[in-house]
Amino acid sequence: METCQHKRYKIFWVDDDPFFLNWITPQVTAFACFTIQTFDNARGALEQLKSTHPDIILTNLVMPYMCGLEMIATIRCEDTDIPIVVVSNRFQKSDRQAALEAGANSFLCKAGINGLAIRAGIWPYLA
């Protein structure tokens, strides 16, 4: 069972699909302990990481300018502790393996996902 214990968790969510983010974000933030800052590309998220430390990062794999795998590897060069969860439509075993090898903690498939599944997928890395 999810409990906030009076803590608010800051999520960075990196995905170039505004329709997906606009649909899923309210479902996740309906549980009051989550705040989400969205980025439409990895470069913006990496720049913000210089001044803000989120509790967890969610990322897509396929994005313009820099893919999710490159972003994960870049983050891991600086920070080995921050949890990173991939949320992607790329669900082949090779995609999952590449994400984990780059340094992701977990992988969730967008197909059929909802806010409850996102919260369940990230909660173990926050509690």
Protein backbone atom coordinates (compact mmCIF):
# COMPACT_ATOMS: atom_id res chain seq x y z
CA MET A 1 0.00 0.00 0.00
CA GLU A 2 1.26 3.46 -0.90
CA THR A 3 1.74 5.95 1.90
CA CYS A 4 3.33 9.36 1.60
CA GLN A 5 4.40 9.69 5.22
CA HIS A 6 4.21 13.48 4.71
CA LYS A 7 6.89 13.47 2.01
CA ARG A 8 6.40 14.83 -1.49
CA TYR A 9 8.34 13.00 -4.16
CA LYS A 10 9.63 14.98 -7.13
CA ILE A 11 9.54 13.16 -10.45
CA PHE A 12 11.35 14.26 -13.60
CA TRP A 13 9.50 12.79 -16.58
CA VAL A 14 11.25 12.95 -19.94
CA ASP A 15 9.07 12.15 -22.95
CA ASP A 16 8.52 13.93 -26.25
CA ASP A 17 4.86 12.84 -26.44
CA PRO A 18 2.79 15.69 -24.95
CA PHE A 19 -0.47 13.79 -25.41
CA PHE A 20 0.79 10.89 -23.30
CA LEU A 21 2.18 13.19 -20.61
CA ASN A 22 -1.00 15.28 -20.48
CA TRP A 23 -3.05 12.11 -20.09
CA ILE A 24 -0.88 10.24 -17.55
CA THR A 25 0.42 13.07 -15.34
CA PRO A 26 -2.92 13.81 -13.61
CA GLN A 27 -3.36 10.11 -12.90
CA VAL A 28 -0.02 9.96 -11.10
CA THR A 29 -0.34 13.29 -9.28
CA ALA A 30 -3.85 12.38 -8.10
CA PHE A 31 -1.94 10.69 -5.30
CA ALA A 32 -0.91 13.84 -3.46
CA CYS A 33 2.66 12.94 -2.63
CA PHE A 34 3.89 13.14 -6.24
CA THR A 35 4.89 16.24 -8.19
CA ILE A 36 6.00 15.91 -11.78
CA GLN A 37 8.20 18.17 -13.83
CA THR A 38 8.03 17.19 -17.49
CA PHE A 39 10.64 17.62 -20.22
CA ASP A 40 10.15 17.05 -23.93
CA ASN A 41 13.79 16.14 -24.45
CA ALA A 42 16.77 14.74 -22.58
CA ARG A 43 18.88 17.87 -22.91
CA GLY A 44 16.37 19.94 -20.95
CA ALA A 45 16.22 17.34 -18.19
CA LEU A 46 20.02 17.10 -17.98
CA GLU A 47 20.28 20.89 -17.73
CA GLN A 48 17.71 20.98 -14.90
CA LEU A 49 19.55 18.17 -13.09
CA LYS A 50 22.42 20.60 -12.53
CA SER A 51 20.26 22.58 -10.10
CA THR A 52 17.45 20.25 -9.01
CA HIS A 53 17.65 16.73 -7.63
CA PRO A 54 14.47 14.73 -8.23
CA ASP A 55 13.63 11.61 -6.27
CA ILE A 56 13.21 9.59 -9.47
CA ILE A 57 13.47 10.01 -13.24
CA LEU A 58 11.06 8.47 -15.73
CA THR A 59 12.09 8.48 -19.37
CA ASN A 60 11.07 7.35 -22.80
CA LEU A 61 13.70 5.76 -25.03
CA VAL A 62 13.00 7.32 -28.42
CA MET A 63 13.27 11.12 -28.35
CA PRO A 64 14.81 13.86 -30.50
CA TYR A 65 18.34 15.22 -29.97
CA MET A 66 19.35 12.58 -27.44
CA CYS A 67 17.73 9.19 -26.87
CA GLY A 68 16.78 7.88 -23.45
CA LEU A 69 19.67 5.42 -23.40
CA GLU A 70 22.20 8.22 -23.91
CA MET A 71 20.52 10.29 -21.21
CA ILE A 72 20.60 7.39 -18.74
CA ALA A 73 24.28 6.74 -19.42
CA THR A 74 25.06 10.46 -19.00
CA ILE A 75 23.23 10.60 -15.68
CA ARG A 76 24.98 7.46 -14.45
CA CYS A 77 28.38 9.09 -15.05
CA GLU A 78 27.42 11.72 -12.46
CA ASP A 79 24.85 10.04 -10.20
CA THR A 80 24.64 6.33 -9.56
CA ASP A 81 21.96 6.59 -6.89
CA ILE A 82 18.97 8.32 -8.48
CA PRO A 83 16.38 5.76 -9.60
CA ILE A 84 15.62 5.77 -13.33
CA VAL A 85 12.61 3.98 -14.76
CA VAL A 86 12.06 3.66 -18.50
CA VAL A 87 8.46 4.05 -19.69
CA SER A 88 8.38 3.18 -23.38
CA ASN A 89 6.48 1.58 -26.22
CA ARG A 90 9.70 -0.20 -27.13
CA PHE A 91 9.13 -3.47 -25.33
CA GLN A 92 11.38 -5.97 -27.03
CA LYS A 93 13.69 -7.92 -24.75
CA SER A 94 16.67 -6.18 -26.40
CA ASP A 95 15.21 -2.73 -25.57
CA ARG A 96 14.73 -3.70 -21.94
CA GLN A 97 18.23 -5.16 -21.76
CA ALA A 98 19.80 -2.06 -23.34
CA ALA A 99 18.00 0.19 -20.84
CA LEU A 100 19.15 -1.87 -17.88
CA GLU A 101 22.72 -2.00 -19.20
CA ALA A 102 22.69 1.80 -19.62
CA GLY A 103 21.80 2.08 -15.94
CA ALA A 104 18.01 2.08 -15.68
CA ASN A 105 16.58 0.47 -12.58
CA SER A 106 13.39 -0.75 -14.20
CA PHE A 107 11.37 -0.77 -17.41
CA LEU A 108 7.63 -0.25 -17.84
CA CYS A 109 5.79 -0.67 -21.12
CA LYS A 110 3.46 2.18 -22.12
CA ALA A 111 0.95 -0.20 -23.67
CA GLY A 112 -1.98 -0.41 -21.28
CA ILE A 113 -0.24 1.68 -18.62
CA ASN A 114 -2.15 3.93 -16.24
CA GLY A 115 -1.36 6.06 -13.22
CA LEU A 116 -1.81 3.19 -10.79
CA ALA A 117 0.67 1.02 -12.71
CA ILE A 118 3.17 3.89 -12.82
CA ARG A 119 2.88 4.46 -9.07
CA ALA A 120 3.26 0.73 -8.41
CA GLY A 121 6.29 0.59 -10.70
CA ILE A 122 8.13 3.49 -9.07
CA TRP A 123 7.12 3.03 -5.44
CA PRO A 124 9.80 0.42 -4.60
CA TYR A 125 12.49 2.98 -5.52
CA LEU A 126 11.01 5.66 -3.29
CA ALA A 127 9.97 3.84 -0.13
